[in-house]
PDB file of N, CA and C in Angstrom:
ATOM      1  N   MET A   1      96.235-168.065  37.664  1.00  0.00           N
ATOM      2  CA  MET A   1      95.164-167.139  37.366  1.00  0.00           C
ATOM      3  C   MET A   1      95.449-165.800  38.037  1.00  0.00           C
ATOM      4  N   ALA A   2      95.221-164.740  37.304  1.00  0.00           N
ATOM      5  CA  ALA A   2      95.482-163.407  37.823  1.00  0.00           C
ATOM      6  C   ALA A   2      94.473-163.025  38.894  1.00  0.00           C
ATOM      7  N   ARG A   3      94.958-162.341  39.919  1.00  0.00           N
ATOM      8  CA  ARG A   3      94.063-161.835  40.965  1.00  0.00           C
ATOM      9  C   ARG A   3      93.304-160.612  40.475  1.00  0.00           C
ATOM     10  N   ILE A   4      93.925-159.840  39.601  1.00  0.00           N
ATOM     11  CA  ILE A   4      93.274-158.686  38.976  1.00  0.00           C
ATOM     12  C   ILE A   4      93.166-158.993  37.490  1.00  0.00           C
ATOM     13  N   GLU A   5      91.981-159.040  36.997  1.00  0.00           N
ATOM     14  CA  GLU A   5      91.744-159.399  35.599  1.00  0.00           C
ATOM     15  C   GLU A   5      92.169-158.252  34.678  1.00  0.00           C
ATOM     16  N   PRO A   6      93.029-158.517  33.698  1.00  0.00           N
ATOM     17  CA  PRO A   6      93.438-157.469  32.761  1.00  0.00           C
ATOM     18  C   PRO A   6      92.270-157.013  31.894  1.00  0.00           C
ATOM     19  N   LEU A   7      92.367-155.799  31.401  1.00  0.00           N
ATOM     20  CA  LEU A   7      91.375-155.302  30.455  1.00  0.00           C
ATOM     21  C   LEU A   7      91.490-156.072  29.147  1.00  0.00           C
ATOM     22  N   ASN A   8      90.411-156.149  28.418  1.00  0.00           N
ATOM     23  CA  ASN A   8      90.446-156.623  27.047  1.00  0.00           C
ATOM     24  C   ASN A   8      91.143-155.537  26.235  1.00  0.00           C
ATOM     25  N   ILE A   9      91.869-155.889  25.208  1.00  0.00           N
ATOM     26  CA  ILE A   9      92.626-154.906  24.423  1.00  0.00           C
ATOM     27  C   ILE A   9      91.721-153.786  23.921  1.00  0.00           C
ATOM     28  N   HIS A  10      90.469-154.076  23.642  1.00  0.00           N
ATOM     29  CA  HIS A  10      89.536-153.056  23.135  1.00  0.00           C
ATOM     30  C   HIS A  10      89.029-152.143  24.244  1.00  0.00           C
ATOM     31  N   GLU A  11      89.266-152.512  25.502  1.00  0.00           N
ATOM     32  CA  GLU A  11      88.869-151.673  26.634  1.00  0.00           C
ATOM     33  C   GLU A  11      89.975-150.703  27.054  1.00  0.00           C
ATOM     34  N   VAL A  12      91.174-150.930  26.562  1.00  0.00           N
ATOM     35  CA  VAL A  12      92.315-150.076  26.912  1.00  0.00           C
ATOM     36  C   VAL A  12      92.133-148.710  26.256  1.00  0.00           C
ATOM     37  N   ALA A  13      92.426-147.653  27.007  1.00  0.00           N
ATOM     38  CA  ALA A  13      92.309-146.298  26.475  1.00  0.00           C
ATOM     39  C   ALA A  13      93.131-146.168  25.190  1.00  0.00           C
ATOM     40  N   PRO A  14      92.562-145.521  24.180  1.00  0.00           N
ATOM     41  CA  PRO A  14      93.246-145.432  22.883  1.00  0.00           C
ATOM     42  C   PRO A  14      94.655-144.855  22.958  1.00  0.00           C
ATOM     43  N   GLU A  15      94.903-143.901  23.861  1.00  0.00           N
ATOM     44  CA  GLU A  15      96.220-143.267  23.906  1.00  0.00           C
ATOM     45  C   GLU A  15      97.320-144.171  24.458  1.00  0.00           C
ATOM     46  N   ILE A  16      96.939-145.289  25.085  1.00  0.00           N
ATOM     47  CA  ILE A  16      97.962-146.212  25.598  1.00  0.00           C
ATOM     48  C   ILE A  16      97.846-147.616  24.995  1.00  0.00           C
ATOM     49  N   ARG A  17      96.878-147.811  24.132  1.00  0.00           N
ATOM     50  CA  ARG A  17      96.674-149.133  23.530  1.00  0.00           C
ATOM     51  C   ARG A  17      97.902-149.598  22.751  1.00  0.00           C
ATOM     52  N   HIS A  18      98.595-148.659  22.109  1.00  0.00           N
ATOM     53  CA  HIS A  18      99.789-149.013  21.323  1.00  0.00           C
ATOM     54  C   HIS A  18     100.832-149.723  22.187  1.00  0.00           C
ATOM     55  N   ALA A  19     100.941-149.333  23.457  1.00  0.00           N
ATOM     56  CA  ALA A  19     101.924-149.973  24.349  1.00  0.00           C
ATOM     57  C   ALA A  19     101.535-151.428  24.618  1.00  0.00           C
ATOM     58  N   CYS A  20     100.252-151.676  24.756  1.00  0.00           N
ATOM     59  CA  CYS A  20      99.786-153.057  24.967  1.00  0.00           C
ATOM     60  C   CYS A  20     100.037-153.895  23.714  1.00  0.00           C
ATOM     61  N   GLU A  21      99.765-153.312  22.559  1.00  0.00           N
ATOM     62  CA  GLU A  21      99.997-154.031  21.307  1.00  0.00           C
ATOM     63  C   GLU A  21     101.482-154.315  21.102  1.00  0.00           C
ATOM     64  N   GLU A  22     102.332-153.366  21.484  1.00  0.00           N
ATOM     65  CA  GLU A  22     103.781-153.572  21.358  1.00  0.00           C
ATOM     66  C   GLU A  22     104.257-154.662  22.316  1.00  0.00           C
ATOM     67  N   ALA A  23     103.735-154.676  23.539  1.00  0.00           N
ATOM     68  CA  ALA A  23     104.089-155.724  24.502  1.00  0.00           C
ATOM     69  C   ALA A  23     103.684-157.091  23.964  1.00  0.00           C
ATOM     70  N   GLU A  24     102.511-157.165  23.375  1.00  0.00           N
ATOM     71  CA  GLU A  24     102.020-158.418  22.790  1.00  0.00           C
ATOM     72  C   GLU A  24     102.952-158.874  21.661  1.00  0.00           C
ATOM     73  N   ARG A  25     103.365-157.933  20.830  1.00  0.00           N
ATOM     74  CA  ARG A  25     104.244-158.259  19.708  1.00  0.00           C
ATOM     75  C   ARG A  25     105.606-158.744  20.202  1.00  0.00           C
ATOM     76  N   GLN A  26     106.136-158.101  21.234  1.00  0.00           N
ATOM     77  CA  GLN A  26     107.472-158.437  21.704  1.00  0.00           C
ATOM     78  C   GLN A  26     107.522-159.713  22.537  1.00  0.00           C
ATOM     79  N   THR A  27     106.529-159.928  23.378  1.00  0.00           N
ATOM     80  CA  THR A  27     106.615-161.031  24.339  1.00  0.00           C
ATOM     81  C   THR A  27     105.547-162.093  24.180  1.00  0.00           C
ATOM     82  N   GLY A  28     104.550-161.833  23.341  1.00  0.00           N
ATOM     83  CA  GLY A  28     103.483-162.809  23.157  1.00  0.00           C
ATOM     84  C   GLY A  28     102.326-162.637  24.122  1.00  0.00           C
ATOM     85  N   THR A  29     102.463-161.688  25.056  1.00  0.00           N
ATOM     86  CA  THR A  29     101.374-161.408  25.982  1.00  0.00           C
ATOM     87  C   THR A  29     101.425-159.944  26.393  1.00  0.00           C
ATOM     88  N   SER A  30     100.269-159.420  26.723  1.00  0.00           N
ATOM     89  CA  SER A  30     100.211-158.051  27.221  1.00  0.00           C
ATOM     90  C   SER A  30      99.356-157.995  28.481  1.00  0.00           C
ATOM     91  N   ALA A  31      99.241-159.130  29.168  1.00  0.00           N
ATOM     92  CA  ALA A  31      98.356-159.197  30.345  1.00  0.00           C
ATOM     93  C   ALA A  31      98.765-158.200  31.423  1.00  0.00           C
ATOM     94  N   SER A  32     100.047-158.118  31.746  1.00  0.00           N
ATOM     95  CA  SER A  32     100.445-157.176  32.801  1.00  0.00           C
ATOM     96  C   SER A  32     100.247-155.743  32.330  1.00  0.00           C
ATOM     97  N   THR A  33     100.566-155.469  31.074  1.00  0.00           N
ATOM     98  CA  THR A  33     100.380-154.130  30.529  1.00  0.00           C
ATOM     99  C   THR A  33      98.901-153.750  30.545  1.00  0.00           C
ATOM    100  N   ARG A  34      98.037-154.685  30.166  1.00  0.00           N
ATOM    101  CA  ARG A  34      96.599-154.412  30.166  1.00  0.00           C
ATOM    102  C   ARG A  34      96.031-154.301  31.578  1.00  0.00           C
ATOM    103  N   THR A  35      96.700-154.901  32.557  1.00  0.00           N
ATOM    104  CA  THR A  35      96.279-154.742  33.949  1.00  0.00           C
ATOM    105  C   THR A  35      96.628-153.337  34.426  1.00  0.00           C
ATOM    106  N   TYR A  36      97.852-152.881  34.147  1.00  0.00           N
ATOM    107  CA  TYR A  36      98.237-151.516  34.508  1.00  0.00           C
ATOM    108  C   TYR A  36      97.353-150.490  33.800  1.00  0.00           C
ATOM    109  N   ALA A  37      96.860-150.833  32.625  1.00  0.00           N
ATOM    110  CA  ALA A  37      96.037-149.910  31.844  1.00  0.00           C
ATOM    111  C   ALA A  37      94.688-149.629  32.492  1.00  0.00           C
ATOM    112  N   LYS A  38      94.338-150.362  33.544  1.00  0.00           N
ATOM    113  CA  LYS A  38      93.093-150.065  34.266  1.00  0.00           C
ATOM    114  C   LYS A  38      93.122-148.650  34.828  1.00  0.00           C
ATOM    115  N   ASN A  39      94.336-148.126  35.070  1.00  0.00           N
ATOM    116  CA  ASN A  39      94.487-146.758  35.552  1.00  0.00           C
ATOM    117  C   ASN A  39      95.520-146.069  34.648  1.00  0.00           C
ATOM    118  N   PRO A  40      95.059-145.352  33.611  1.00  0.00           N
ATOM    119  CA  PRO A  40      95.991-144.755  32.650  1.00  0.00           C
ATOM    120  C   PRO A  40      97.045-143.839  33.284  1.00  0.00           C
ATOM    121  N   ALA A  41      96.714-143.112  34.329  1.00  0.00           N
ATOM    122  CA  ALA A  41      97.700-142.233  34.972  1.00  0.00           C
ATOM    123  C   ALA A  41      98.826-143.058  35.587  1.00  0.00           C
ATOM    124  N   VAL A  42      98.488-144.152  36.240  1.00  0.00           N
ATOM    125  CA  VAL A  42      99.505-145.038  36.820  1.00  0.00           C
ATOM    126  C   VAL A  42     100.310-145.686  35.705  1.00  0.00           C
ATOM    127  N   PHE A  43      99.642-146.097  34.660  1.00  0.00           N
ATOM    128  CA  PHE A  43     100.303-146.716  33.510  1.00  0.00           C
ATOM    129  C   PHE A  43     101.372-145.784  32.941  1.00  0.00           C
ATOM    130  N   LYS A  44     101.005-144.520  32.743  1.00  0.00           N
ATOM    131  CA  LYS A  44     101.939-143.545  32.177  1.00  0.00           C
ATOM    132  C   LYS A  44     103.091-143.263  33.146  1.00  0.00           C
ATOM    133  N   ALA A  45     102.790-143.144  34.432  1.00  0.00           N
ATOM    134  CA  ALA A  45     103.832-142.891  35.430  1.00  0.00           C
ATOM    135  C   ALA A  45     104.805-144.066  35.500  1.00  0.00           C
ATOM    136  N   LEU A  46     104.279-145.279  35.458  1.00  0.00           N
ATOM    137  CA  LEU A  46     105.137-146.458  35.484  1.00  0.00           C
ATOM    138  C   LEU A  46     106.017-146.507  34.239  1.00  0.00           C
ATOM    139  N   GLY A  47     105.457-146.150  33.107  1.00  0.00           N
ATOM    140  CA  GLY A  47     106.241-146.108  31.875  1.00  0.00           C
ATOM    141  C   GLY A  47     107.376-145.104  31.956  1.00  0.00           C
ATOM    142  N   ALA A  48     107.098-143.926  32.516  1.00  0.00           N
ATOM    143  CA  ALA A  48     108.135-142.905  32.681  1.00  0.00           C
ATOM    144  C   ALA A  48     109.215-143.391  33.650  1.00  0.00           C
ATOM    145  N   PHE A  49     108.802-144.047  34.716  1.00  0.00           N
ATOM    146  CA  PHE A  49     109.741-144.578  35.700  1.00  0.00           C
ATOM    147  C   PHE A  49     110.655-145.621  35.062  1.00  0.00           C
ATOM    148  N   ARG A  50     110.060-146.553  34.318  1.00  0.00           N
ATOM    149  CA  ARG A  50     110.855-147.592  33.659  1.00  0.00           C
ATOM    150  C   ARG A  50     111.806-146.996  32.623  1.00  0.00           C
ATOM    151  N   ALA A  51     111.346-145.983  31.894  1.00  0.00           N
ATOM    152  CA  ALA A  51     112.202-145.343  30.899  1.00  0.00           C
ATOM    153  C   ALA A  51     113.393-144.667  31.585  1.00  0.00           C
ATOM    154  N   ALA A  52     113.150-144.009  32.706  1.00  0.00           N
ATOM    155  CA  ALA A  52     114.237-143.362  33.444  1.00  0.00           C
ATOM    156  C   ALA A  52     115.236-144.398  33.941  1.00  0.00           C
ATOM    157  N   LEU A  53     114.750-145.517  34.436  1.00  0.00           N
ATOM    158  CA  LEU A  53     115.657-146.576  34.879  1.00  0.00           C
ATOM    159  C   LEU A  53     116.498-147.099  33.722  1.00  0.00           C
ATOM    160  N   GLY A  54     115.860-147.236  32.579  1.00  0.00           N
ATOM    161  CA  GLY A  54     116.579-147.730  31.406  1.00  0.00           C
ATOM    162  C   GLY A  54     117.658-146.769  30.937  1.00  0.00           C
ATOM    163  N   ARG A  55     117.382-145.468  31.027  1.00  0.00           N
ATOM    164  CA  ARG A  55     118.354-144.456  30.595  1.00  0.00           C
ATOM    165  C   ARG A  55     119.454-144.239  31.620  1.00  0.00           C
ATOM    166  N   GLU A  56     119.086-144.277  32.892  1.00  0.00           N
ATOM    167  CA  GLU A  56     120.011-143.855  33.937  1.00  0.00           C
ATOM    168  C   GLU A  56     120.489-144.985  34.837  1.00  0.00           C
ATOM    169  N   GLY A  57     120.076-146.197  34.542  1.00  0.00           N
ATOM    170  CA  GLY A  57     120.480-147.325  35.364  1.00  0.00           C
ATOM    171  C   GLY A  57     121.975-147.585  35.286  1.00  0.00           C
ATOM    172  N   THR A  58     122.503-148.236  36.294  1.00  0.00           N
ATOM    173  CA  THR A  58     123.940-148.504  36.339  1.00  0.00           C
ATOM    174  C   THR A  58     124.289-149.933  35.933  1.00  0.00           C
ATOM    175  N   ILE A  59     123.274-150.748  35.676  1.00  0.00           N
ATOM    176  CA  ILE A  59     123.524-152.132  35.279  1.00  0.00           C
ATOM    177  C   ILE A  59     123.714-152.182  33.764  1.00  0.00           C
ATOM    178  N   ASP A  60     124.722-152.904  33.338  1.00  0.00           N
ATOM    179  CA  ASP A  60     124.995-153.084  31.917  1.00  0.00           C
ATOM    180  C   ASP A  60     123.738-153.658  31.238  1.00  0.00           C
ATOM    181  N   PRO A  61     123.301-153.084  30.103  1.00  0.00           N
ATOM    182  CA  PRO A  61     122.091-153.560  29.430  1.00  0.00           C
ATOM    183  C   PRO A  61     122.100-155.056  29.100  1.00  0.00           C
ATOM    184  N   VAL A  62     123.240-155.607  28.738  1.00  0.00           N
ATOM    185  CA  VAL A  62     123.321-157.042  28.426  1.00  0.00           C
ATOM    186  C   VAL A  62     123.059-157.860  29.683  1.00  0.00           C
ATOM    187  N   LEU A  63     123.664-157.472  30.788  1.00  0.00           N
ATOM    188  CA  LEU A  63     123.432-158.169  32.049  1.00  0.00           C
ATOM    189  C   LEU A  63     121.966-158.050  32.475  1.00  0.00           C
ATOM    190  N   ARG A  64     121.384-156.865  32.307  1.00  0.00           N
ATOM    191  CA  ARG A  64     119.974-156.650  32.665  1.00  0.00           C
ATOM    192  C   ARG A  64     119.080-157.602  31.876  1.00  0.00           C
ATOM    193  N   GLU A  65     119.350-157.759  30.593  1.00  0.00           N
ATOM    194  CA  GLU A  65     118.544-158.661  29.763  1.00  0.00           C
ATOM    195  C   GLU A  65     118.725-160.112  30.184  1.00  0.00           C
ATOM    196  N   LEU A  66     119.944-160.506  30.526  1.00  0.00           N
ATOM    197  CA  LEU A  66     120.179-161.869  31.009  1.00  0.00           C
ATOM    198  C   LEU A  66     119.416-162.130  32.306  1.00  0.00           C
ATOM    199  N   VAL A  67     119.365-161.147  33.173  1.00  0.00           N
ATOM    200  CA  VAL A  67     118.610-161.286  34.426  1.00  0.00           C
ATOM    201  C   VAL A  67     117.124-161.455  34.118  1.00  0.00           C
ATOM    202  N   ARG A  68     116.602-160.657  33.188  1.00  0.00           N
ATOM    203  CA  ARG A  68     115.179-160.787  32.807  1.00  0.00           C
ATOM    204  C   ARG A  68     114.883-162.192  32.290  1.00  0.00           C
ATOM    205  N   ILE A  69     115.758-162.704  31.441  1.00  0.00           N
ATOM    206  CA  ILE A  69     115.557-164.047  30.882  1.00  0.00           C
ATOM    207  C   ILE A  69     115.593-165.100  31.986  1.00  0.00           C
ATOM    208  N   LYS A  70     116.540-164.981  32.888  1.00  0.00           N
ATOM    209  CA  LYS A  70     116.653-165.947  33.997  1.00  0.00           C
ATOM    210  C   LYS A  70     115.421-165.901  34.886  1.00  0.00           C
ATOM    211  N   ILE A  71     114.963-164.711  35.238  1.00  0.00           N
ATOM    212  CA  ILE A  71     113.774-164.580  36.091  1.00  0.00           C
ATOM    213  C   ILE A  71     112.549-165.153  35.394  1.00  0.00           C
ATOM    214  N   ALA A  72     112.417-164.883  34.104  1.00  0.00           N
ATOM    215  CA  ALA A  72     111.284-165.443  33.356  1.00  0.00           C
ATOM    216  C   ALA A  72     111.320-166.956  33.387  1.00  0.00           C
ATOM    217  N   GLY A  73     112.515-167.540  33.216  1.00  0.00           N
ATOM    218  CA  GLY A  73     112.652-169.002  33.279  1.00  0.00           C
ATOM    219  C   GLY A  73     112.307-169.555  34.628  1.00  0.00           C
ATOM    220  N   LEU A  74     112.782-168.896  35.683  1.00  0.00           N
ATOM    221  CA  LEU A  74     112.478-169.363  37.048  1.00  0.00           C
ATOM    222  C   LEU A  74     110.984-169.317  37.347  1.00  0.00           C
ATOM    223  N   ASN A  75     110.293-168.363  36.729  1.00  0.00           N
ATOM    224  CA  ASN A  75     108.856-168.223  36.950  1.00  0.00           C
ATOM    225  C   ASN A  75     108.013-168.927  35.899  1.00  0.00           C
ATOM    226  N   ALA A  76     108.673-169.685  35.038  1.00  0.00           N
ATOM    227  CA  ALA A  76     107.999-170.418  33.953  1.00  0.00           C
ATOM    228  C   ALA A  76     107.166-169.482  33.085  1.00  0.00           C
ATOM    229  N   CYS A  77     107.713-168.271  32.832  1.00  0.00           N
ATOM    230  CA  CYS A  77     107.038-167.297  31.989  1.00  0.00           C
ATOM    231  C   CYS A  77     107.644-167.311  30.593  1.00  0.00           C
ATOM    232  N   ARG A  78     106.808-167.090  29.609  1.00  0.00           N
ATOM    233  CA  ARG A  78     107.319-166.908  28.250  1.00  0.00           C
ATOM    234  C   ARG A  78     107.979-165.550  28.203  1.00  0.00           C
ATOM    235  N   TYR A  79     109.119-165.478  27.564  1.00  0.00           N
ATOM    236  CA  TYR A  79     109.806-164.187  27.428  1.00  0.00           C
ATOM    237  C   TYR A  79     110.426-164.107  26.066  1.00  0.00           C
TER     238      TYR A  79
END
């Protein structure tokens, strides 16, 4: 059970709701995205940070994806 309850999709600010819907489509859940959406400024800053890491990171994208899959498995998360 989450310590911080995510927003309902209809409570998410309209300008960032698309990101929650995309997360749901890609992974089957948007709980973490909807939790970050409690503060739209933080949500947007985190998105910019993640995008910069994706563009400028030094880890091979294939290896990065394998790490994500492994971590999800270790945490019994759907991915």
